[in-house]
Amino acid sequence: MCSKQVNINIQVPEGTSNVRAIKFDFCDLFAVVMPQFGVFGVTHLASGCSLILGLEREKNAEEHLLKLHKASIEAAIPSNADTDTFKELAKKAGKLKALNNMSISEYCSVYRNRFYGNEFPWEFGNECPHTRVNKLIREFTVREKQCA
């Protein structure tokens, strides 16, 4: 099994909220959340803070999570990094190949709290988010044949 549903605490304007999330077995830094109906994002697990939010579908949030996971490996951020360690190492890492030569901060700011219309049209082949997510998952799971 590559992913599973878990309950996590996330930061919301009123304080914290316990929500269902999707967590990949090979990634302990991030999870996909839906803090409100129909709005998906990526949350840093240790802090409960949203890194990316405003996506219309879970599969696109998974893709961002996997790219951030790949970037965290490139930046040598340990999988059990607390909030301060994550911030410090992410800042030190600078531009990362996994994020198309953007820093983690730059990447998240591009996708944070933006609502994207038209996430669904003309999806097939390599343009389909399911295809892109499966390709990223295969990079992390050598033994698994089919995860998503």
Protein backbone atom coordinates (compact mmCIF):
# COMPACT_ATOMS: atom_id res chain seq x y z
CA MET A 1 0.00 0.00 0.00
CA CYS A 2 1.47 3.35 -1.00
CA SER A 3 -0.95 5.71 0.70
CA LYS A 4 -3.38 5.60 3.57
CA GLN A 5 -5.92 7.84 5.26
CA VAL A 6 -4.89 9.28 8.60
CA ASN A 7 -6.22 11.96 10.93
CA ILE A 8 -3.98 14.98 11.47
CA ASN A 9 -4.23 18.34 13.17
CA ILE A 10 -3.97 21.34 10.85
CA GLN A 11 -3.74 25.04 11.54
CA VAL A 12 -6.92 26.99 10.80
CA PRO A 13 -7.80 30.63 11.59
CA GLU A 14 -9.71 29.49 14.69
CA GLY A 15 -6.77 27.42 16.02
CA THR A 16 -6.44 23.77 15.03
CA SER A 17 -8.75 21.25 13.41
CA ASN A 18 -8.50 17.48 13.18
CA VAL A 19 -9.06 16.40 9.57
CA ARG A 20 -8.67 13.30 7.42
CA ALA A 21 -5.56 13.31 5.27
CA ILE A 22 -3.80 11.12 2.74
CA LYS A 23 -0.26 10.18 3.69
CA PHE A 24 2.18 8.22 1.56
CA ASP A 25 4.04 5.43 3.34
CA PHE A 26 7.40 6.69 2.10
CA CYS A 27 6.86 10.35 3.09
CA ASP A 28 6.64 11.47 6.72
CA LEU A 29 6.93 15.22 6.07
CA PHE A 30 3.73 15.98 4.15
CA ALA A 31 0.10 14.93 3.72
CA VAL A 32 -2.72 15.85 1.37
CA VAL A 33 -5.65 17.50 3.15
CA MET A 34 -9.08 18.83 2.31
CA PRO A 35 -9.63 21.50 4.99
CA GLN A 36 -12.93 22.50 3.44
CA PHE A 37 -15.13 20.70 0.97
CA GLY A 38 -13.67 20.74 -2.53
CA VAL A 39 -10.39 22.48 -1.63
CA PHE A 40 -7.25 20.32 -1.47
CA GLY A 41 -3.73 21.13 -0.42
CA VAL A 42 -0.46 19.89 1.02
CA THR A 43 0.28 20.23 4.73
CA HIS A 44 3.56 19.95 6.61
CA LEU A 45 2.77 17.23 9.15
CA ALA A 46 4.96 18.43 12.04
CA SER A 47 3.49 21.94 12.08
CA GLY A 48 0.05 21.33 10.59
CA CYS A 49 0.66 24.34 8.35
CA SER A 50 -0.60 24.48 4.81
CA LEU A 51 2.17 24.70 2.21
CA ILE A 52 -0.11 24.57 -0.82
CA LEU A 53 -3.85 25.11 -0.86
CA GLY A 54 -6.59 25.89 -3.33
CA LEU A 55 -6.58 22.87 -5.62
CA GLU A 56 -9.86 21.49 -6.92
CA ARG A 57 -8.78 17.88 -6.82
CA GLU A 58 -6.88 15.54 -4.60
CA LYS A 59 -4.72 14.08 -7.37
CA ASN A 60 -3.15 17.47 -8.14
CA ALA A 61 -2.38 17.92 -4.44
CA GLU A 62 -0.71 14.49 -4.48
CA GLU A 63 1.48 15.63 -7.35
CA HIS A 64 2.63 18.70 -5.38
CA LEU A 65 3.25 16.55 -2.30
CA LEU A 66 5.43 14.17 -4.30
CA LYS A 67 7.41 17.02 -5.84
CA LEU A 68 7.97 18.52 -2.38
CA HIS A 69 9.01 15.10 -1.09
CA LYS A 70 11.50 14.76 -3.93
CA ALA A 71 12.81 18.25 -3.16
CA SER A 72 13.16 17.45 0.54
CA ILE A 73 15.30 14.43 -0.33
CA GLU A 74 17.42 16.60 -2.64
CA ALA A 75 17.77 19.16 0.17
CA ALA A 76 18.74 16.41 2.68
CA ILE A 77 15.82 17.24 4.97
CA PRO A 78 15.29 14.28 7.31
CA SER A 79 11.89 12.61 7.18
CA ASN A 80 11.40 13.30 10.89
CA ALA A 81 12.34 17.00 10.69
CA ASP A 82 10.45 19.20 13.10
CA THR A 83 9.14 22.58 11.97
CA ASP A 84 12.28 24.60 12.78
CA THR A 85 14.62 22.04 11.21
CA PHE A 86 12.45 21.85 8.10
CA LYS A 87 12.44 25.64 7.70
CA GLU A 88 16.18 25.94 8.31
CA LEU A 89 17.19 23.18 5.89
CA ALA A 90 14.68 24.27 3.25
CA LYS A 91 16.10 27.79 3.36
CA LYS A 92 19.71 26.53 3.19
CA ALA A 93 18.94 24.30 0.21
CA GLY A 94 18.20 27.19 -2.14
CA LYS A 95 17.13 26.33 -5.70
CA LEU A 96 16.25 22.68 -6.25
CA LYS A 97 16.17 20.64 -9.43
CA ALA A 98 13.07 18.75 -8.21
CA LEU A 99 11.15 22.06 -8.19
CA ASN A 100 12.31 23.32 -11.59
CA ASN A 101 15.08 25.45 -10.08
CA MET A 102 12.89 27.06 -7.41
CA SER A 103 13.40 27.01 -3.68
CA ILE A 104 10.80 25.27 -1.51
CA SER A 105 9.59 28.68 -0.36
CA GLU A 106 9.28 29.97 -3.94
CA TYR A 107 7.49 26.82 -5.08
CA CYS A 108 4.98 26.96 -2.23
CA SER A 109 4.33 30.66 -2.72
CA VAL A 110 3.49 30.07 -6.38
CA TYR A 111 0.82 27.50 -5.45
CA ARG A 112 -0.33 28.71 -2.02
CA ASN A 113 -3.93 29.87 -1.75
CA ARG A 114 -4.53 30.09 -5.48
CA PHE A 115 -7.66 28.65 -6.92
CA TYR A 116 -7.22 27.00 -10.27
CA GLY A 117 -10.14 26.64 -12.55
CA ASN A 118 -9.97 24.21 -15.41
CA GLU A 119 -8.07 21.47 -13.60
CA PHE A 120 -10.12 18.89 -15.50
CA PRO A 121 -10.24 19.57 -19.27
CA TRP A 122 -8.56 17.43 -21.88
CA GLU A 123 -6.95 15.00 -19.49
CA PHE A 124 -5.41 11.99 -21.12
CA GLY A 125 -2.00 10.48 -21.68
CA ASN A 126 0.95 12.34 -20.15
CA GLU A 127 -1.22 15.39 -19.36
CA CYS A 128 -3.39 13.43 -16.95
CA PRO A 129 -2.50 14.07 -13.28
CA HIS A 130 -2.99 10.35 -12.56
CA THR A 131 -0.21 9.57 -15.05
CA ARG A 132 2.11 12.23 -13.57
CA VAL A 133 1.45 11.06 -9.99
CA ASN A 134 2.03 7.40 -10.88
CA LYS A 135 5.36 8.34 -12.47
CA LEU A 136 6.45 10.20 -9.31
CA ILE A 137 5.29 7.35 -7.05
CA ARG A 138 7.33 4.86 -9.08
CA GLU A 139 10.43 6.92 -8.28
CA PHE A 140 9.90 6.23 -4.58
CA THR A 141 8.49 2.72 -4.62
CA VAL A 142 10.69 0.18 -6.31
CA ARG A 143 8.83 -2.89 -5.00
CA GLU A 144 5.28 -1.65 -5.59
CA LYS A 145 3.82 -2.35 -9.00
CA GLN A 146 0.67 -0.25 -8.79
CA CYS A 147 -0.04 2.28 -6.05
CA ALA A 148 -2.43 4.92 -7.29
